[in-house]
Protein backbone atom coordinates (compact mmCIF):
# COMPACT_ATOMS: atom_id res chain seq x y z
CA MET A 1 54.30 -2.94 -3.85
CA THR A 2 51.60 -0.39 -3.09
CA VAL A 3 50.02 1.41 -6.09
CA PRO A 4 49.22 5.05 -5.29
CA PRO A 5 45.63 6.18 -5.95
CA PRO A 6 45.09 8.23 -9.09
CA GLN A 7 45.39 11.95 -8.65
CA GLY A 8 42.77 14.34 -10.02
CA PRO A 9 39.10 13.87 -11.09
CA VAL A 10 37.86 10.51 -12.45
CA PRO A 11 37.21 10.74 -16.21
CA PRO A 12 33.56 10.14 -17.28
CA GLN A 13 32.64 6.64 -18.41
CA PRO A 14 31.22 6.15 -21.94
CA VAL A 15 27.40 5.71 -22.14
CA GLN A 16 26.24 2.37 -23.57
CA GLN A 17 24.83 2.86 -27.04
CA GLY A 18 21.90 0.90 -28.57
CA PRO A 19 18.23 0.22 -27.63
CA VAL A 20 17.24 -0.26 -24.03
CA PRO A 21 16.02 -3.84 -23.45
CA PRO A 22 12.29 -4.09 -22.64
CA GLN A 23 11.42 -4.23 -18.98
CA PRO A 24 8.98 -6.94 -17.75
CA MET A 25 5.44 -5.66 -17.22
CA PRO A 26 3.69 -6.46 -13.95
CA GLN A 27 1.14 -9.25 -14.21
CA GLY A 28 -2.49 -8.73 -13.20
CA PRO A 29 -4.21 -5.49 -12.21
CA VAL A 30 -2.08 -2.63 -10.89
CA ALA A 31 -3.21 -0.40 -8.07
CA PRO A 32 -3.37 3.29 -9.09
CA TYR A 33 -1.49 4.29 -5.89
CA PRO A 34 0.12 2.37 -3.00
CA GLY A 35 -2.49 0.86 -0.76
CA ALA A 36 -5.35 1.37 -3.23
CA PRO A 37 -7.70 -1.60 -3.88
CA LEU A 38 -7.00 -3.53 -7.06
CA PRO A 39 -9.46 -3.07 -9.93
CA PRO A 40 -11.48 -6.17 -10.90
CA LEU A 41 -10.14 -8.59 -13.46
CA PRO A 42 -11.67 -8.29 -16.95
CA PRO A 43 -14.49 -10.77 -17.59
CA LEU A 44 -13.71 -14.05 -19.29
CA ALA A 45 -14.59 -14.13 -22.96
CA SER A 46 -17.64 -16.23 -23.79
CA PRO A 47 -17.01 -19.07 -26.26
CA HIS A 48 -20.43 -18.41 -27.82
CA GLY A 49 -19.96 -14.75 -28.75
CA ALA A 50 -21.14 -11.54 -27.17
CA ALA A 51 -23.80 -12.03 -24.50
CA TRP A 52 -25.75 -9.52 -22.46
CA LEU A 53 -28.65 -9.69 -20.07
CA ARG A 54 -32.11 -8.78 -21.34
CA SER A 55 -35.32 -9.27 -19.44
CA PRO A 56 -37.25 -12.41 -20.41
CA VAL A 57 -40.36 -11.45 -18.45
CA ALA A 58 -42.49 -9.93 -21.24
CA LEU A 59 -41.57 -12.67 -23.71
CA GLY A 60 -42.20 -15.31 -21.06
CA LYS A 61 -45.69 -14.00 -20.38
CA ALA A 62 -46.46 -13.75 -24.12
CA THR A 63 -45.22 -17.32 -24.68
CA ALA A 64 -47.32 -18.66 -21.82
CA ALA A 65 -50.40 -16.84 -23.13
CA LEU A 66 -49.95 -18.22 -26.63
CA LEU A 67 -49.45 -21.72 -25.26
CA GLY A 68 -52.75 -21.18 -23.45
CA LEU A 69 -54.33 -20.45 -26.84
CA VAL A 70 -52.81 -23.69 -28.13
CA ILE A 71 -54.56 -25.54 -25.33
CA ALA A 72 -57.84 -23.78 -26.16
CA ALA A 73 -57.50 -24.81 -29.82
CA ASP A 74 -56.74 -28.40 -28.78
CA LEU A 75 -59.86 -28.45 -26.58
CA PHE A 76 -61.89 -27.24 -29.55
CA ALA A 77 -60.23 -29.97 -31.62
CA LEU A 78 -61.25 -32.56 -29.05
CA TRP A 79 -64.86 -31.48 -29.43
CA ALA A 80 -64.55 -31.75 -33.22
CA ASP A 81 -62.82 -35.13 -32.83
CA ASN A 82 -65.64 -36.52 -30.73
CA THR A 83 -68.24 -35.18 -33.16
CA MET A 84 -66.41 -36.89 -36.01
CA LEU A 85 -66.02 -40.06 -33.93
CA ALA A 86 -69.76 -40.24 -33.30
CA VAL A 87 -70.68 -39.69 -36.95
CA SER A 88 -68.13 -42.17 -38.27
CA GLY A 89 -69.36 -44.69 -35.74
CA ALA A 90 -72.92 -44.23 -36.93
CA LEU A 91 -71.84 -44.68 -40.55
CA ALA A 92 -69.79 -47.74 -39.64
CA ASP A 93 -72.88 -49.21 -37.98
CA GLY A 94 -74.82 -48.84 -41.23
CA GLU A 95 -76.87 -45.73 -40.51
CA PHE A 96 -77.86 -43.72 -43.56
CA GLY A 97 -80.22 -40.88 -44.42
CA ASP A 98 -80.32 -37.12 -44.61
CA ALA A 99 -79.87 -36.66 -40.87
CA VAL A 100 -76.65 -38.65 -40.81
CA GLN A 101 -75.39 -36.84 -43.91
CA ARG A 102 -76.05 -33.48 -42.26
CA ARG A 103 -74.22 -34.63 -39.13
CA ALA A 104 -71.30 -35.80 -41.27
CA ALA A 105 -71.12 -32.48 -43.10
CA HIS A 106 -71.21 -30.63 -39.76
CA ALA A 107 -68.48 -32.88 -38.38
CA ASP A 108 -66.30 -32.24 -41.44
CA SER A 109 -66.71 -28.47 -41.03
CA LEU A 110 -65.85 -28.62 -37.33
CA TYR A 111 -62.86 -30.87 -37.98
CA ALA A 112 -61.48 -28.53 -40.66
CA ALA A 113 -62.02 -25.45 -38.47
CA ALA A 114 -60.27 -27.12 -35.55
CA GLY A 115 -57.33 -27.98 -37.78
CA TYR A 116 -56.95 -24.34 -38.89
CA ALA A 117 -57.25 -23.13 -35.31
CA GLN A 118 -54.59 -25.56 -34.14
CA MET A 119 -52.22 -24.59 -36.94
CA ALA A 120 -52.66 -20.83 -36.41
CA THR A 121 -52.14 -20.95 -32.63
CA LEU A 122 -49.22 -23.38 -32.95
CA VAL A 123 -47.36 -21.21 -35.47
CA ALA A 124 -47.83 -18.09 -33.33
CA ALA A 125 -46.72 -19.91 -30.19
CA VAL A 126 -43.67 -21.44 -31.91
CA VAL A 127 -42.45 -18.09 -33.22
CA VAL A 128 -42.68 -16.33 -29.85
CA TYR A 129 -41.40 -19.37 -27.97
CA LEU A 130 -38.25 -19.53 -30.12
CA ILE A 131 -37.59 -15.83 -29.52
CA TRP A 132 -38.01 -16.39 -25.78
CA PHE A 133 -35.82 -19.52 -25.93
CA LEU A 134 -32.97 -17.62 -27.59
CA ARG A 135 -33.35 -14.79 -25.07
CA VAL A 136 -33.04 -17.08 -22.06
CA ARG A 137 -30.14 -18.94 -23.73
CA VAL A 138 -28.14 -15.70 -24.16
CA ASN A 139 -28.96 -14.72 -20.57
CA ALA A 140 -27.73 -18.11 -19.41
CA GLU A 141 -24.44 -17.50 -21.22
CA VAL A 142 -24.03 -14.34 -19.12
CA PHE A 143 -24.71 -16.32 -15.96
CA ASN A 144 -22.33 -19.14 -16.94
CA PRO A 145 -20.45 -18.75 -20.26
CA PHE A 146 -18.86 -22.22 -20.08
CA GLY A 147 -21.84 -24.30 -18.94
CA HIS A 148 -23.34 -25.01 -22.37
CA THR A 149 -22.66 -28.16 -24.37
CA LYS A 150 -24.24 -26.86 -27.62
CA SER A 151 -23.52 -23.70 -29.57
CA ARG A 152 -25.97 -20.84 -29.55
CA ALA A 153 -27.08 -21.56 -33.12
CA TRP A 154 -28.53 -24.90 -32.05
CA ALA A 155 -31.00 -23.06 -29.81
CA GLY A 156 -32.88 -22.33 -33.02
CA TRP A 157 -31.81 -24.92 -35.57
CA GLY A 158 -31.95 -27.75 -33.05
CA TRP A 159 -35.75 -27.73 -33.24
CA PHE A 160 -35.84 -28.25 -37.01
CA VAL A 161 -32.91 -30.50 -37.96
CA PRO A 162 -34.21 -34.09 -38.21
CA VAL A 163 -33.02 -36.66 -35.66
CA VAL A 164 -31.11 -34.19 -33.48
CA ASN A 165 -34.37 -32.38 -32.74
CA LEU A 166 -35.27 -35.39 -30.60
CA TRP A 167 -32.72 -34.47 -27.92
CA PHE A 168 -30.80 -31.22 -28.70
CA PRO A 169 -33.54 -28.85 -27.45
CA ARG A 170 -33.83 -30.75 -24.17
CA ARG A 171 -30.06 -30.65 -23.66
CA ILE A 172 -29.95 -26.92 -24.36
CA MET A 173 -32.88 -26.35 -22.01
CA LEU A 174 -31.13 -28.26 -19.22
CA ASP A 175 -27.97 -26.17 -19.65
CA ILE A 176 -30.06 -22.98 -19.51
CA TRP A 177 -31.91 -24.30 -16.45
CA ASP A 178 -28.70 -25.10 -14.57
CA ALA A 179 -27.08 -21.77 -15.42
CA SER A 180 -30.17 -19.85 -14.28
CA GLY A 181 -30.45 -21.54 -10.90
CA PRO A 182 -28.96 -20.26 -7.64
CA ALA A 183 -25.17 -20.16 -7.58
CA GLY A 184 -23.67 -23.35 -6.17
CA ALA A 185 -26.99 -25.24 -6.25
CA ARG A 186 -28.13 -27.69 -8.90
CA SER A 187 -31.79 -27.33 -9.83
CA GLY A 188 -33.85 -30.46 -10.38
CA HIS A 189 -34.70 -31.46 -13.94
CA GLY A 190 -38.01 -33.22 -13.27
CA LEU A 191 -40.19 -30.51 -14.79
CA VAL A 192 -38.03 -30.20 -17.92
CA ASN A 193 -37.95 -33.97 -18.39
CA ALA A 194 -41.73 -34.23 -17.99
CA TRP A 195 -42.26 -31.48 -20.57
CA TRP A 196 -39.92 -33.13 -23.06
CA THR A 197 -41.47 -36.57 -22.56
CA PHE A 198 -44.98 -35.31 -23.24
CA TRP A 199 -43.72 -33.26 -26.18
CA ILE A 200 -42.07 -36.26 -27.88
CA ILE A 201 -45.04 -38.56 -27.26
CA GLY A 202 -47.44 -35.93 -28.61
CA LEU A 203 -45.24 -35.34 -31.64
CA ILE A 204 -45.18 -39.03 -32.53
CA ALA A 205 -48.92 -39.43 -31.84
CA ASP A 206 -49.69 -36.38 -34.01
CA ARG A 207 -47.77 -37.84 -36.92
CA ALA A 208 -49.41 -41.26 -36.52
CA GLY A 209 -52.92 -39.82 -36.23
CA PHE A 210 -52.48 -37.51 -39.22
CA THR A 211 -51.16 -40.34 -41.38
CA ALA A 212 -53.95 -42.70 -40.36
CA TYR A 213 -56.68 -40.11 -41.03
CA ARG A 214 -55.20 -39.18 -44.42
CA LYS A 215 -55.18 -42.81 -45.52
CA ALA A 216 -58.63 -43.68 -44.10
CA GLU A 217 -61.30 -44.46 -46.69
CA THR A 218 -64.06 -46.39 -44.93
CA ALA A 219 -66.16 -45.18 -42.01
CA GLN A 220 -64.46 -47.73 -39.73
CA GLU A 221 -60.99 -46.57 -40.76
CA ILE A 222 -62.02 -42.96 -40.13
CA GLN A 223 -63.32 -43.90 -36.69
CA ASP A 224 -60.06 -45.67 -35.81
CA ALA A 225 -57.97 -42.76 -37.09
CA VAL A 226 -59.99 -40.21 -35.14
CA GLY A 227 -59.36 -42.26 -32.00
CA GLN A 228 -55.61 -41.84 -32.61
CA VAL A 229 -56.08 -38.11 -33.20
CA ILE A 230 -57.91 -37.78 -29.88
CA PHE A 231 -54.99 -39.50 -28.11
CA ALA A 232 -52.54 -37.06 -29.78
CA ASP A 233 -54.63 -34.01 -28.87
CA LEU A 234 -54.76 -35.09 -25.24
CA PHE A 235 -50.99 -35.34 -25.11
CA ASP A 236 -50.67 -31.98 -26.87
CA ILE A 237 -52.77 -30.39 -24.14
CA VAL A 238 -50.66 -31.89 -21.37
CA ALA A 239 -47.41 -31.00 -23.15
CA ALA A 240 -48.53 -27.37 -23.64
CA GLY A 241 -49.60 -27.15 -20.00
CA VAL A 242 -46.25 -28.41 -18.75
CA ALA A 243 -44.47 -26.11 -21.23
CA ILE A 244 -46.28 -23.15 -19.64
CA LEU A 245 -44.92 -24.21 -16.24
CA VAL A 246 -41.39 -24.50 -17.64
CA VAL A 247 -41.54 -21.10 -19.32
CA LEU A 248 -42.88 -19.31 -16.26
CA ARG A 249 -40.48 -21.07 -13.85
CA LEU A 250 -37.39 -20.38 -15.96
CA THR A 251 -38.44 -16.79 -16.57
CA ARG A 252 -38.76 -16.23 -12.81
CA MET A 253 -35.40 -17.93 -12.16
CA GLN A 254 -33.60 -15.64 -14.60
CA ASP A 255 -35.37 -12.51 -13.45
CA ARG A 256 -34.49 -13.28 -9.82
CA LYS A 257 -30.86 -14.05 -10.65
CA ALA A 258 -30.48 -10.89 -12.71
CA HIS A 259 -31.79 -8.75 -9.86
CA GLU A 260 -29.46 -10.41 -7.36
CA GLY A 261 -26.46 -8.89 -9.18
CA PRO A 262 -23.16 -10.24 -10.53
CA GLY A 263 -22.30 -12.03 -7.28
CA ALA A 264 -25.17 -14.43 -7.88
CA HIS A 265 -23.85 -15.58 -11.23
CA GLY A 266 -21.25 -17.83 -9.70
CA VAL A 267 -18.70 -17.24 -12.50
C-alpha cells in the first residue's frame, strides 16, 4: 500500500535545549589566514628558572685581570719564601749575630706582606670570578636548558660546601663548556681538566704548607715548611694562569654563540 506524501508545509522541528558541547581545539600553532606561515612554537621552559643572555665579556676581562694580580702576588710570595728559606737555613746551620737577626726580621716582614697581598688579591678575584661564573652558567642555560646536571644554585654553593667542592664546580664548568660550544659539536675538555687538576693540587698543597708553617718551631722545621709553601705557590701560579685561559676561552665561545643568533643554540 502506497502512503501519500503529506500535504502542506513541514512543521518546524524543536531546537535542542541545553549547553553546546565543547569543540576540540586545533593542536599546535594556527596560521592567521590560509597559506600563511605558521608562527614559531613557544620556547621550552627551563628547568632551572628564568634565563636570559647577558654579555660575559666585561666580567671575563675583569676576572682575567684579577687572576693576573693573583699571579703577581704569588710571585711576590715566592720572593718572600726564598728570603725566608735562606734565613731559616742560616739559622739551622748555627749562624747567629745581629746580621742574621736583621735578615730574619726582614724575612718575617716580607713573608707577612706577601700573605696579605695573596689574601687581598685572592678575595677580589674570587668575588668577581663567581659573578662571572654565574653569568656564563645562566647564558649556558639559554643555549641548552636541559644540558646541566646540577642546579643553578650549585654554581655558587658548590665552591664552598665541603667534599662536593672537589668535583661539583668542574662538573658545572663542563656543562657550561659543552652548552657554549658550536651546535652539534662537542668541545674538548682538556683545558678545563688541566685547570681543575692544578687547582686541586694547589689547594691541598696550600693547606699542607700552611699547617706545617704554623706548627714549625725550630729553624729546621721552618725551612722544611717554607719548602712546602714554595711548592704550593708554584702550583697556585700555574692554576691561576690556566684559569685565565679558561675564562677567556669560554667568554669568547659564549660571545660568538650569542652573536650567531638563535639558530646556533641547537635547542
